[in-house]
């Protein structure tokens, strides 16, 4: 369990035991009250496993190939293209529509 998850578990446990309120727990964890209620429900159902991130140990959705740069993936996600010189379709549409407006 990571330090972050351990802190979450301890704070939620304090809330369950009644030593702090839900609002205080939310402030201590920098989460919304709704998220803290969801964490509390999972802790009550699964104990300390309720705060462990459910994606732990899984393969990434878009794994990097050996030698592939994470910058290329980031560029693709931002621009919608693997070529940083080429504008994305949204950018092309935006620039072409603004140039067609009469003065």
N, C-alpha and C. Protein backbone atom coordinates (compact mmCIF):
# COMPACT_ATOMS: atom_id res chain seq x y z
N UNK A 1 0.85 -1.18 0.00
CA UNK A 1 0.00 0.00 0.00
C UNK A 1 0.90 1.24 0.00
N UNK A 2 0.60 2.19 -0.88
CA UNK A 2 1.39 3.41 -0.97
C UNK A 2 1.09 4.33 0.22
N UNK A 3 1.93 5.34 0.40
CA UNK A 3 1.73 6.30 1.50
C UNK A 3 0.40 7.03 1.34
N UNK A 4 0.07 7.36 0.09
CA UNK A 4 -1.19 8.07 -0.18
C UNK A 4 -2.39 7.20 0.20
N UNK A 5 -2.33 5.93 -0.17
CA UNK A 5 -3.43 5.02 0.15
C UNK A 5 -3.52 4.76 1.64
N UNK A 6 -2.37 4.67 2.31
CA UNK A 6 -2.36 4.47 3.75
C UNK A 6 -2.98 5.66 4.47
N UNK A 7 -2.64 6.87 4.01
CA UNK A 7 -3.23 8.08 4.59
C UNK A 7 -4.75 8.08 4.40
N UNK A 8 -5.19 7.73 3.19
CA UNK A 8 -6.63 7.67 2.93
C UNK A 8 -7.32 6.69 3.87
N UNK A 9 -6.70 5.52 4.04
CA UNK A 9 -7.31 4.50 4.90
C UNK A 9 -7.41 5.00 6.34
N UNK A 10 -6.34 5.61 6.85
CA UNK A 10 -6.35 6.10 8.23
C UNK A 10 -7.41 7.17 8.45
N UNK A 11 -7.51 8.10 7.50
CA UNK A 11 -8.48 9.20 7.63
C UNK A 11 -9.91 8.65 7.56
N UNK A 12 -10.17 7.76 6.64
CA UNK A 12 -11.52 7.17 6.52
C UNK A 12 -11.85 6.37 7.77
N UNK A 13 -10.87 5.65 8.32
CA UNK A 13 -11.07 4.89 9.58
C UNK A 13 -11.44 5.84 10.71
N UNK A 14 -10.75 6.99 10.79
CA UNK A 14 -11.07 7.98 11.83
C UNK A 14 -12.51 8.46 11.68
N UNK A 15 -12.93 8.64 10.45
CA UNK A 15 -14.31 9.09 10.20
C UNK A 15 -15.30 8.01 10.62
N UNK A 16 -15.00 6.77 10.27
CA UNK A 16 -15.90 5.67 10.63
C UNK A 16 -16.00 5.52 12.15
N UNK A 17 -14.87 5.71 12.85
CA UNK A 17 -14.85 5.61 14.31
C UNK A 17 -15.49 6.81 14.98
N UNK A 18 -15.68 7.90 14.24
CA UNK A 18 -16.39 9.06 14.77
C UNK A 18 -15.50 10.15 15.34
N UNK A 19 -14.20 10.05 15.16
CA UNK A 19 -13.32 11.08 15.71
C UNK A 19 -13.23 12.32 14.82
N UNK A 20 -13.60 12.19 13.54
CA UNK A 20 -13.69 13.34 12.65
C UNK A 20 -14.97 13.24 11.83
N UNK A 21 -15.34 14.33 11.20
CA UNK A 21 -16.54 14.34 10.36
C UNK A 21 -16.17 14.06 8.91
N UNK A 22 -17.16 13.82 8.09
CA UNK A 22 -16.94 13.59 6.67
C UNK A 22 -16.33 14.81 5.99
N UNK A 23 -16.79 15.98 6.40
CA UNK A 23 -16.25 17.21 5.83
C UNK A 23 -14.77 17.37 6.17
N UNK A 24 -14.40 17.04 7.40
CA UNK A 24 -13.00 17.12 7.81
C UNK A 24 -12.16 16.10 7.04
N UNK A 25 -12.71 14.91 6.85
CA UNK A 25 -12.00 13.87 6.09
C UNK A 25 -11.76 14.34 4.66
N UNK A 26 -12.77 14.97 4.07
CA UNK A 26 -12.64 15.48 2.70
C UNK A 26 -11.54 16.54 2.62
N UNK A 27 -11.50 17.42 3.61
CA UNK A 27 -10.48 18.47 3.61
C UNK A 27 -9.09 17.89 3.82
N UNK A 28 -8.96 16.91 4.72
CA UNK A 28 -7.66 16.29 4.98
C UNK A 28 -7.12 15.58 3.75
N UNK A 29 -8.01 14.99 2.96
CA UNK A 29 -7.60 14.23 1.78
C UNK A 29 -7.63 15.06 0.50
N UNK A 30 -8.07 16.29 0.60
CA UNK A 30 -8.22 17.18 -0.58
C UNK A 30 -9.12 16.54 -1.63
N UNK A 31 -10.24 15.98 -1.17
CA UNK A 31 -11.23 15.36 -2.04
C UNK A 31 -12.58 16.01 -1.78
N UNK A 32 -13.52 15.76 -2.67
CA UNK A 32 -14.88 16.25 -2.45
C UNK A 32 -15.57 15.34 -1.44
N UNK A 33 -16.63 15.84 -0.84
CA UNK A 33 -17.39 15.05 0.13
C UNK A 33 -17.96 13.80 -0.53
N UNK A 34 -18.37 13.93 -1.77
CA UNK A 34 -18.91 12.78 -2.51
C UNK A 34 -17.86 11.67 -2.65
N UNK A 35 -16.62 12.06 -3.01
CA UNK A 35 -15.56 11.07 -3.18
C UNK A 35 -15.22 10.39 -1.85
N UNK A 36 -15.28 11.16 -0.76
CA UNK A 36 -14.98 10.59 0.55
C UNK A 36 -16.07 9.58 0.94
N UNK A 37 -17.32 9.87 0.61
CA UNK A 37 -18.39 8.92 0.88
C UNK A 37 -18.18 7.63 0.08
N UNK A 38 -17.73 7.76 -1.16
CA UNK A 38 -17.46 6.56 -1.98
C UNK A 38 -16.32 5.75 -1.37
N UNK A 39 -15.26 6.44 -0.90
CA UNK A 39 -14.16 5.73 -0.26
C UNK A 39 -14.63 5.03 1.02
N UNK A 40 -15.47 5.71 1.79
CA UNK A 40 -15.97 5.11 3.03
C UNK A 40 -16.75 3.84 2.74
N UNK A 41 -17.58 3.88 1.72
CA UNK A 41 -18.37 2.70 1.35
C UNK A 41 -17.45 1.55 0.98
N UNK A 42 -16.40 1.84 0.19
CA UNK A 42 -15.48 0.78 -0.21
C UNK A 42 -14.67 0.24 0.96
N UNK A 43 -14.30 1.10 1.91
CA UNK A 43 -13.57 0.65 3.10
C UNK A 43 -14.46 -0.24 3.95
N UNK A 44 -15.73 0.13 4.08
CA UNK A 44 -16.65 -0.71 4.85
C UNK A 44 -16.86 -2.07 4.20
N UNK A 45 -16.85 -2.11 2.87
CA UNK A 45 -17.06 -3.37 2.15
C UNK A 45 -15.78 -4.21 2.04
N UNK A 46 -14.63 -3.56 1.76
CA UNK A 46 -13.40 -4.29 1.45
C UNK A 46 -12.28 -4.06 2.45
N UNK A 47 -12.52 -3.31 3.52
CA UNK A 47 -11.53 -2.92 4.51
C UNK A 47 -10.40 -2.15 3.83
N UNK A 48 -9.14 -2.45 4.09
CA UNK A 48 -8.06 -1.63 3.54
C UNK A 48 -7.89 -1.80 2.03
N UNK A 49 -8.38 -2.86 1.45
CA UNK A 49 -8.33 -3.02 0.00
C UNK A 49 -9.23 -2.00 -0.71
N UNK A 50 -10.14 -1.37 0.01
CA UNK A 50 -11.05 -0.40 -0.58
C UNK A 50 -10.38 0.88 -1.04
N UNK A 51 -9.20 1.18 -0.48
CA UNK A 51 -8.51 2.42 -0.88
C UNK A 51 -7.41 2.16 -1.90
N UNK A 52 -7.10 0.90 -2.18
CA UNK A 52 -6.07 0.59 -3.15
C UNK A 52 -6.61 0.80 -4.56
N UNK A 53 -5.81 1.48 -5.38
CA UNK A 53 -6.24 1.80 -6.74
C UNK A 53 -6.50 0.52 -7.52
N UNK A 54 -7.62 0.46 -8.20
CA UNK A 54 -8.06 -0.78 -8.87
C UNK A 54 -7.28 -1.08 -10.14
N UNK A 55 -6.51 -0.11 -10.65
CA UNK A 55 -5.77 -0.34 -11.89
C UNK A 55 -4.33 -0.81 -11.61
N UNK A 56 -4.00 -1.03 -10.35
CA UNK A 56 -2.64 -1.43 -9.98
C UNK A 56 -2.28 -2.78 -10.60
N UNK A 57 -1.10 -2.82 -11.18
CA UNK A 57 -0.59 -4.06 -11.74
C UNK A 57 -1.06 -4.38 -13.15
N UNK A 58 -1.92 -3.57 -13.70
CA UNK A 58 -2.41 -3.83 -15.07
C UNK A 58 -1.50 -3.19 -16.10
N UNK A 59 -1.52 -3.76 -17.29
CA UNK A 59 -0.76 -3.22 -18.40
C UNK A 59 -1.42 -1.93 -18.87
N UNK A 60 -0.63 -0.90 -19.22
CA UNK A 60 -1.21 0.34 -19.70
C UNK A 60 -2.02 0.13 -20.98
N UNK A 61 -3.03 0.94 -21.17
CA UNK A 61 -3.88 0.85 -22.36
C UNK A 61 -3.08 1.10 -23.63
N UNK A 62 -2.18 2.09 -23.56
CA UNK A 62 -1.32 2.40 -24.70
C UNK A 62 0.13 2.23 -24.23
N UNK A 63 0.64 0.98 -24.24
CA UNK A 63 2.01 0.77 -23.78
C UNK A 63 3.02 1.32 -24.79
N UNK A 64 4.15 1.78 -24.28
CA UNK A 64 5.21 2.27 -25.15
C UNK A 64 6.02 1.11 -25.69
N UNK A 65 6.37 1.20 -26.96
CA UNK A 65 7.25 0.22 -27.57
C UNK A 65 8.67 0.49 -27.08
N UNK A 66 9.56 -0.50 -27.08
CA UNK A 66 10.95 -0.23 -26.71
C UNK A 66 11.56 0.83 -27.62
N UNK A 67 12.13 1.85 -27.03
CA UNK A 67 12.73 2.93 -27.80
C UNK A 67 11.76 4.02 -28.21
N UNK A 68 10.48 3.87 -27.91
CA UNK A 68 9.47 4.88 -28.28
C UNK A 68 9.46 5.98 -27.22
N UNK A 69 9.37 7.21 -27.65
CA UNK A 69 9.40 8.35 -26.76
C UNK A 69 8.01 8.67 -26.23
N UNK A 70 7.88 8.93 -24.91
CA UNK A 70 6.57 9.35 -24.40
C UNK A 70 6.12 10.69 -24.97
N UNK A 71 7.09 11.51 -25.43
CA UNK A 71 6.75 12.80 -26.04
C UNK A 71 5.93 12.62 -27.30
N UNK A 72 6.23 11.57 -28.07
CA UNK A 72 5.48 11.29 -29.30
C UNK A 72 4.03 10.96 -28.98
N UNK A 73 3.80 10.16 -27.93
CA UNK A 73 2.44 9.82 -27.52
C UNK A 73 1.71 11.07 -27.06
N UNK A 74 2.38 11.91 -26.27
CA UNK A 74 1.76 13.14 -25.79
C UNK A 74 1.41 14.05 -26.96
N UNK A 75 2.32 14.16 -27.92
CA UNK A 75 2.07 14.98 -29.11
C UNK A 75 0.86 14.45 -29.87
N UNK A 76 0.77 13.15 -30.00
CA UNK A 76 -0.36 12.54 -30.71
C UNK A 76 -1.66 12.84 -30.00
N UNK A 77 -1.67 12.75 -28.69
CA UNK A 77 -2.90 13.00 -27.93
C UNK A 77 -3.33 14.45 -27.99
N UNK A 78 -2.36 15.36 -28.01
CA UNK A 78 -2.68 16.79 -28.04
C UNK A 78 -3.09 17.21 -29.45
N UNK A 79 -2.30 16.84 -30.45
CA UNK A 79 -2.53 17.31 -31.81
C UNK A 79 -3.44 16.40 -32.63
N UNK A 80 -3.64 15.18 -32.18
CA UNK A 80 -4.43 14.24 -32.96
C UNK A 80 -3.63 13.69 -34.13
N UNK A 81 -2.34 13.91 -34.11
CA UNK A 81 -1.48 13.44 -35.19
C UNK A 81 -0.12 13.14 -34.62
N UNK A 82 0.60 12.21 -35.25
CA UNK A 82 1.95 11.92 -34.79
C UNK A 82 2.94 12.94 -35.33
N UNK A 83 2.49 13.83 -36.22
CA UNK A 83 3.35 14.86 -36.80
C UNK A 83 3.04 16.19 -36.12
N UNK A 84 3.98 16.71 -35.30
CA UNK A 84 3.69 17.97 -34.59
C UNK A 84 3.59 19.17 -35.52
N UNK A 85 4.11 19.05 -36.76
CA UNK A 85 4.05 20.16 -37.72
C UNK A 85 2.66 20.28 -38.34
N UNK A 86 1.93 19.19 -38.39
CA UNK A 86 0.62 19.18 -39.04
C UNK A 86 -0.47 19.53 -38.00
N UNK A 87 -1.33 20.49 -38.29
CA UNK A 87 -2.40 20.83 -37.35
C UNK A 87 -3.46 19.71 -37.28
N UNK A 88 -4.12 19.64 -36.16
CA UNK A 88 -5.17 18.64 -36.00
C UNK A 88 -6.38 19.02 -36.85
N UNK A 89 -7.29 18.08 -37.13
CA UNK A 89 -8.49 18.41 -37.90
C UNK A 89 -9.31 19.53 -37.26
N UNK A 90 -9.36 19.57 -35.94
CA UNK A 90 -10.11 20.63 -35.26
C UNK A 90 -9.47 21.99 -35.51
N UNK A 91 -8.12 22.02 -35.45
CA UNK A 91 -7.43 23.28 -35.71
C UNK A 91 -7.62 23.73 -37.15
N UNK A 92 -7.59 22.79 -38.10
CA UNK A 92 -7.81 23.13 -39.51
C UNK A 92 -9.20 23.72 -39.70
N UNK A 93 -10.19 23.11 -39.10
CA UNK A 93 -11.57 23.59 -39.23
C UNK A 93 -11.72 24.97 -38.62
N UNK A 94 -11.10 25.16 -37.44
CA UNK A 94 -11.20 26.44 -36.74
C UNK A 94 -10.56 27.55 -37.57
N UNK A 95 -9.39 27.31 -38.14
CA UNK A 95 -8.71 28.34 -38.92
C UNK A 95 -9.41 28.60 -40.25
N UNK A 96 -9.96 27.56 -40.87
CA UNK A 96 -10.64 27.76 -42.15
C UNK A 96 -11.98 28.46 -41.96
N UNK A 97 -12.67 28.21 -40.87
CA UNK A 97 -13.98 28.84 -40.66
C UNK A 97 -13.82 30.31 -40.30
N UNK A 98 -12.74 30.67 -39.58
CA UNK A 98 -12.55 32.08 -39.21
C UNK A 98 -12.08 32.89 -40.40
N UNK A 99 -11.40 32.25 -41.36
CA UNK A 99 -10.90 33.00 -42.52
C UNK A 99 -12.02 33.26 -43.53
N UNK A 100 -13.14 32.57 -43.45
CA UNK A 100 -14.24 32.73 -44.39
C UNK A 100 -15.25 33.78 -43.96
N UNK A 101 -15.08 34.35 -42.77
CA UNK A 101 -16.01 35.36 -42.28
C UNK A 101 -15.75 36.67 -43.03
N UNK A 102 -16.79 37.25 -43.63
CA UNK A 102 -16.58 38.51 -44.37
C UNK A 102 -16.29 39.65 -43.40
N UNK A 103 -15.51 40.66 -43.86
CA UNK A 103 -15.16 41.80 -42.98
C UNK A 103 -16.33 42.69 -42.68
